[in-house]
Amino acid sequence: MNESFLTLPAKMGAIRSVHFSSDGKYLALAEPADYLHIYDASTGLYEEKQTIEFFGEIAGVSFDPMGNSLFVGNADDLVGGIYEFGRVRRRECDDRMYQGWEDILL
């Protein structure tokens, strides 16, 4: 088979890092800088995604073993460090369940 079955887009540049969560439910794609895309991989369709935007070059991405946190290394000289994003689940006002990732402030 020489055909791609799916192409996932980027905003700024080629995807440089690809990581699945340990439970296989999420796929994180990191661009060289500024953008991290997290797809819902549980259905195999990759239709739902969340894009996290921040400033700086991405040095690495990793999920924790339980899949509840996502760590992003930022290599920027001014604002660099390790960012942690936690998985959140909560009900929206229309009674739908929201699932996504939010930053954890230390």
N, C-alpha and C. Protein backbone atom coordinates (compact mmCIF):
# COMPACT_ATOMS: atom_id res chain seq x y z
N MET A 1 0.85 -1.17 0.00
CA MET A 1 0.00 0.00 0.00
C MET A 1 0.89 1.23 0.00
N ASN A 2 0.76 2.08 -0.97
CA ASN A 2 1.57 3.28 -1.09
C ASN A 2 0.79 4.55 -0.85
N GLU A 3 -0.41 4.45 -0.36
CA GLU A 3 -1.23 5.63 -0.13
C GLU A 3 -1.39 5.91 1.35
N SER A 4 -1.41 7.18 1.69
CA SER A 4 -1.69 7.58 3.07
C SER A 4 -3.17 7.41 3.34
N PHE A 5 -3.51 6.93 4.53
CA PHE A 5 -4.93 6.82 4.84
C PHE A 5 -5.42 8.07 5.56
N LEU A 6 -4.49 8.93 6.03
CA LEU A 6 -4.87 10.13 6.75
C LEU A 6 -3.71 11.10 6.79
N THR A 7 -4.01 12.38 6.63
CA THR A 7 -3.00 13.43 6.76
C THR A 7 -3.47 14.40 7.82
N LEU A 8 -2.65 14.64 8.83
CA LEU A 8 -2.99 15.57 9.90
C LEU A 8 -2.21 16.86 9.68
N PRO A 9 -2.90 17.99 9.58
CA PRO A 9 -2.25 19.25 9.22
C PRO A 9 -1.51 19.91 10.38
N ALA A 10 -0.59 20.79 10.02
CA ALA A 10 0.13 21.64 10.97
C ALA A 10 -0.17 23.10 10.62
N LYS A 11 0.09 24.00 11.56
CA LYS A 11 -0.16 25.42 11.32
C LYS A 11 1.06 26.15 10.78
N MET A 12 2.24 25.79 11.31
CA MET A 12 3.43 26.60 11.03
C MET A 12 4.53 25.84 10.31
N GLY A 13 4.76 24.60 10.69
CA GLY A 13 5.87 23.85 10.11
C GLY A 13 5.62 22.36 10.21
N ALA A 14 6.56 21.61 9.74
CA ALA A 14 6.44 20.15 9.74
C ALA A 14 6.38 19.62 11.17
N ILE A 15 5.62 18.58 11.37
CA ILE A 15 5.52 17.94 12.67
C ILE A 15 6.86 17.28 12.99
N ARG A 16 7.37 17.55 14.19
CA ARG A 16 8.68 17.02 14.57
C ARG A 16 8.63 15.98 15.67
N SER A 17 7.48 15.86 16.33
CA SER A 17 7.37 14.91 17.43
C SER A 17 5.97 14.33 17.44
N VAL A 18 5.88 13.02 17.57
CA VAL A 18 4.60 12.31 17.58
C VAL A 18 4.59 11.36 18.77
N HIS A 19 3.58 11.49 19.65
CA HIS A 19 3.51 10.63 20.83
C HIS A 19 2.07 10.24 21.11
N PHE A 20 1.85 8.95 21.36
CA PHE A 20 0.56 8.46 21.84
C PHE A 20 0.59 8.39 23.36
N SER A 21 -0.57 8.65 23.99
CA SER A 21 -0.68 8.44 25.43
C SER A 21 -0.61 6.93 25.68
N SER A 22 -0.29 6.55 26.91
CA SER A 22 -0.10 5.13 27.22
C SER A 22 -1.37 4.31 27.02
N ASP A 23 -2.53 4.94 27.15
CA ASP A 23 -3.79 4.22 26.93
C ASP A 23 -4.24 4.25 25.47
N GLY A 24 -3.47 4.96 24.62
CA GLY A 24 -3.77 5.03 23.19
C GLY A 24 -4.93 5.95 22.83
N LYS A 25 -5.45 6.70 23.80
CA LYS A 25 -6.60 7.56 23.54
C LYS A 25 -6.23 8.89 22.90
N TYR A 26 -5.00 9.34 23.12
CA TYR A 26 -4.59 10.65 22.62
C TYR A 26 -3.31 10.55 21.81
N LEU A 27 -3.23 11.40 20.79
CA LEU A 27 -2.04 11.52 19.97
C LEU A 27 -1.59 12.97 20.01
N ALA A 28 -0.37 13.22 20.45
CA ALA A 28 0.18 14.58 20.52
C ALA A 28 1.16 14.77 19.37
N LEU A 29 0.96 15.85 18.61
CA LEU A 29 1.85 16.21 17.51
C LEU A 29 2.44 17.57 17.81
N ALA A 30 3.75 17.66 17.83
CA ALA A 30 4.42 18.92 18.14
C ALA A 30 5.06 19.49 16.88
N GLU A 31 4.80 20.77 16.64
CA GLU A 31 5.48 21.48 15.57
C GLU A 31 6.82 21.98 16.10
N PRO A 32 7.68 22.52 15.24
CA PRO A 32 8.98 22.99 15.72
C PRO A 32 8.86 24.07 16.80
N ALA A 33 7.83 24.90 16.69
CA ALA A 33 7.63 25.98 17.66
C ALA A 33 6.16 26.34 17.73
N ASP A 34 5.76 26.81 18.89
CA ASP A 34 4.49 27.50 19.13
C ASP A 34 3.22 26.66 19.14
N TYR A 35 3.16 25.50 18.52
CA TYR A 35 1.90 24.76 18.42
C TYR A 35 2.06 23.29 18.80
N LEU A 36 1.11 22.83 19.60
CA LEU A 36 1.01 21.43 19.96
C LEU A 36 -0.43 21.00 19.67
N HIS A 37 -0.60 19.95 18.91
CA HIS A 37 -1.93 19.46 18.54
C HIS A 37 -2.18 18.13 19.24
N ILE A 38 -3.32 18.01 19.91
CA ILE A 38 -3.67 16.79 20.61
C ILE A 38 -4.96 16.26 20.00
N TYR A 39 -4.88 15.07 19.43
CA TYR A 39 -6.02 14.45 18.77
C TYR A 39 -6.63 13.35 19.64
N ASP A 40 -7.93 13.20 19.53
CA ASP A 40 -8.63 12.08 20.14
C ASP A 40 -8.42 10.89 19.21
N ALA A 41 -7.62 9.94 19.65
CA ALA A 41 -7.30 8.78 18.81
C ALA A 41 -8.17 7.57 19.15
N SER A 42 -9.08 7.74 20.09
CA SER A 42 -9.86 6.59 20.56
C SER A 42 -10.78 6.01 19.48
N THR A 43 -11.23 6.83 18.54
CA THR A 43 -12.12 6.34 17.49
C THR A 43 -11.37 5.90 16.25
N GLY A 44 -10.11 6.31 16.13
CA GLY A 44 -9.34 6.00 14.93
C GLY A 44 -9.61 6.97 13.78
N LEU A 45 -10.47 7.96 14.01
CA LEU A 45 -10.82 8.92 12.95
C LEU A 45 -10.02 10.22 13.05
N TYR A 46 -9.52 10.54 14.22
CA TYR A 46 -8.71 11.75 14.45
C TYR A 46 -9.45 13.02 14.03
N GLU A 47 -10.75 13.09 14.32
CA GLU A 47 -11.55 14.24 13.93
C GLU A 47 -11.55 15.33 15.00
N GLU A 48 -11.51 14.94 16.27
CA GLU A 48 -11.52 15.92 17.35
C GLU A 48 -10.10 16.22 17.77
N LYS A 49 -9.79 17.53 17.85
CA LYS A 49 -8.45 17.90 18.28
C LYS A 49 -8.48 19.18 19.09
N GLN A 50 -7.46 19.35 19.90
CA GLN A 50 -7.25 20.57 20.66
C GLN A 50 -5.86 21.07 20.28
N THR A 51 -5.76 22.35 19.99
CA THR A 51 -4.46 22.95 19.69
C THR A 51 -4.06 23.84 20.86
N ILE A 52 -2.88 23.60 21.38
CA ILE A 52 -2.33 24.44 22.44
C ILE A 52 -1.28 25.34 21.80
N GLU A 53 -1.45 26.63 21.99
CA GLU A 53 -0.54 27.61 21.41
C GLU A 53 0.23 28.30 22.52
N PHE A 54 1.53 28.38 22.37
CA PHE A 54 2.37 29.09 23.31
C PHE A 54 3.59 29.61 22.57
N PHE A 55 4.45 30.35 23.25
CA PHE A 55 5.61 30.95 22.60
C PHE A 55 6.85 30.11 22.87
N GLY A 56 7.58 29.77 21.84
CA GLY A 56 8.87 29.11 22.01
C GLY A 56 9.02 27.84 21.21
N GLU A 57 10.26 27.46 21.05
CA GLU A 57 10.58 26.23 20.32
C GLU A 57 10.31 25.02 21.20
N ILE A 58 9.73 23.99 20.61
CA ILE A 58 9.37 22.79 21.35
C ILE A 58 10.55 21.83 21.34
N ALA A 59 11.02 21.50 22.53
CA ALA A 59 12.18 20.62 22.67
C ALA A 59 11.78 19.16 22.83
N GLY A 60 10.55 18.91 23.28
CA GLY A 60 10.11 17.54 23.47
C GLY A 60 8.72 17.49 24.07
N VAL A 61 8.07 16.34 23.93
CA VAL A 61 6.71 16.12 24.41
C VAL A 61 6.64 14.72 25.01
N SER A 62 5.93 14.59 26.13
CA SER A 62 5.77 13.28 26.74
C SER A 62 4.51 13.24 27.60
N PHE A 63 3.78 12.13 27.53
CA PHE A 63 2.68 11.88 28.44
C PHE A 63 3.22 11.19 29.68
N ASP A 64 2.58 11.40 30.83
CA ASP A 64 2.96 10.62 32.01
C ASP A 64 2.42 9.20 31.83
N PRO A 65 2.93 8.22 32.58
CA PRO A 65 2.51 6.83 32.39
C PRO A 65 1.00 6.59 32.56
N MET A 66 0.34 7.38 33.38
CA MET A 66 -1.10 7.21 33.59
C MET A 66 -1.93 7.93 32.51
N GLY A 67 -1.30 8.80 31.75
CA GLY A 67 -2.00 9.51 30.68
C GLY A 67 -2.81 10.70 31.16
N ASN A 68 -2.57 11.16 32.39
CA ASN A 68 -3.32 12.29 32.92
C ASN A 68 -2.60 13.63 32.77
N SER A 69 -1.32 13.59 32.47
CA SER A 69 -0.54 14.82 32.27
C SER A 69 0.24 14.73 30.98
N LEU A 70 0.45 15.88 30.38
CA LEU A 70 1.25 16.01 29.17
C LEU A 70 2.32 17.05 29.45
N PHE A 71 3.56 16.70 29.22
CA PHE A 71 4.68 17.60 29.48
C PHE A 71 5.27 18.07 28.17
N VAL A 72 5.57 19.38 28.10
CA VAL A 72 6.15 19.97 26.89
C VAL A 72 7.40 20.73 27.29
N GLY A 73 8.52 20.40 26.67
CA GLY A 73 9.76 21.13 26.89
C GLY A 73 9.82 22.32 25.95
N ASN A 74 10.06 23.50 26.51
CA ASN A 74 10.16 24.73 25.73
C ASN A 74 11.62 25.19 25.79
N ALA A 75 12.27 25.31 24.63
CA ALA A 75 13.69 25.63 24.56
C ALA A 75 13.98 27.11 24.37
N ASP A 76 12.98 27.97 24.51
CA ASP A 76 13.18 29.40 24.33
C ASP A 76 14.08 29.97 25.44
N ASP A 77 15.01 30.85 25.07
CA ASP A 77 15.94 31.44 26.04
C ASP A 77 15.23 32.29 27.09
N LEU A 78 14.15 32.94 26.72
CA LEU A 78 13.47 33.86 27.64
C LEU A 78 12.39 33.17 28.48
N VAL A 79 11.57 32.35 27.86
CA VAL A 79 10.43 31.76 28.58
C VAL A 79 10.49 30.23 28.61
N GLY A 80 11.65 29.66 28.40
CA GLY A 80 11.79 28.22 28.33
C GLY A 80 11.55 27.53 29.66
N GLY A 81 11.28 26.27 29.58
CA GLY A 81 11.03 25.45 30.77
C GLY A 81 10.23 24.24 30.38
N ILE A 82 9.66 23.59 31.38
CA ILE A 82 8.79 22.44 31.14
C ILE A 82 7.38 22.84 31.53
N TYR A 83 6.46 22.70 30.60
CA TYR A 83 5.05 23.02 30.84
C TYR A 83 4.31 21.72 31.08
N GLU A 84 3.39 21.74 32.04
CA GLU A 84 2.56 20.58 32.31
C GLU A 84 1.11 20.93 32.01
N PHE A 85 0.46 20.06 31.26
CA PHE A 85 -0.95 20.21 30.95
C PHE A 85 -1.67 18.99 31.51
N GLY A 86 -2.76 19.22 32.22
CA GLY A 86 -3.52 18.13 32.82
C GLY A 86 -4.80 17.85 32.06
N ARG A 87 -5.17 16.59 32.00
CA ARG A 87 -6.41 16.19 31.35
C ARG A 87 -7.57 16.63 32.24
N VAL A 88 -8.58 17.25 31.66
CA VAL A 88 -9.75 17.69 32.41
C VAL A 88 -11.01 17.10 31.79
N ARG A 89 -11.97 16.85 32.66
CA ARG A 89 -13.29 16.38 32.23
C ARG A 89 -14.30 17.15 33.04
N ARG A 90 -15.24 17.78 32.39
CA ARG A 90 -16.28 18.50 33.12
C ARG A 90 -17.51 18.66 32.24
N ARG A 91 -18.63 18.90 32.86
CA ARG A 91 -19.87 19.09 32.12
C ARG A 91 -20.00 20.53 31.66
N GLU A 92 -20.43 20.69 30.42
CA GLU A 92 -20.73 22.00 29.86
C GLU A 92 -22.16 22.36 30.21
N CYS A 93 -22.55 23.61 29.96
CA CYS A 93 -23.89 24.07 30.31
C CYS A 93 -24.98 23.35 29.52
N ASP A 94 -24.67 22.83 28.34
CA ASP A 94 -25.67 22.09 27.57
C ASP A 94 -25.64 20.60 27.88
N ASP A 95 -25.00 20.26 29.01
CA ASP A 95 -24.94 18.91 29.56
C ASP A 95 -24.09 17.94 28.73
N ARG A 96 -23.25 18.47 27.84
CA ARG A 96 -22.27 17.62 27.16
C ARG A 96 -21.02 17.55 28.02
N MET A 97 -20.28 16.49 27.86
CA MET A 97 -19.04 16.33 28.61
C MET A 97 -17.89 16.95 27.81
N TYR A 98 -17.14 17.85 28.45
CA TYR A 98 -15.95 18.43 27.83
C TYR A 98 -14.75 17.62 28.28
N GLN A 99 -13.89 17.25 27.34
CA GLN A 99 -12.63 16.61 27.67
C GLN A 99 -11.54 17.36 26.92
N GLY A 100 -10.51 17.71 27.60
CA GLY A 100 -9.43 18.44 26.97
C GLY A 100 -8.24 18.53 27.90
N TRP A 101 -7.34 19.44 27.59
CA TRP A 101 -6.11 19.62 28.33
C TRP A 101 -5.98 21.07 28.72
N GLU A 102 -5.64 21.34 29.98
CA GLU A 102 -5.44 22.70 30.47
C GLU A 102 -4.11 22.77 31.17
N ASP A 103 -3.51 23.98 31.14
CA ASP A 103 -2.21 24.13 31.77
C ASP A 103 -2.35 24.07 33.29
N ILE A 104 -1.31 23.57 33.91
CA ILE A 104 -1.23 23.48 35.36
C ILE A 104 -0.22 24.53 35.82
N LEU A 105 -0.69 25.46 36.61
CA LEU A 105 0.18 26.53 37.10
C LEU A 105 0.80 26.11 38.42
N LEU A 106 2.11 26.17 38.47
CA LEU A 106 2.81 25.78 39.70
C LEU A 106 3.19 27.01 40.48
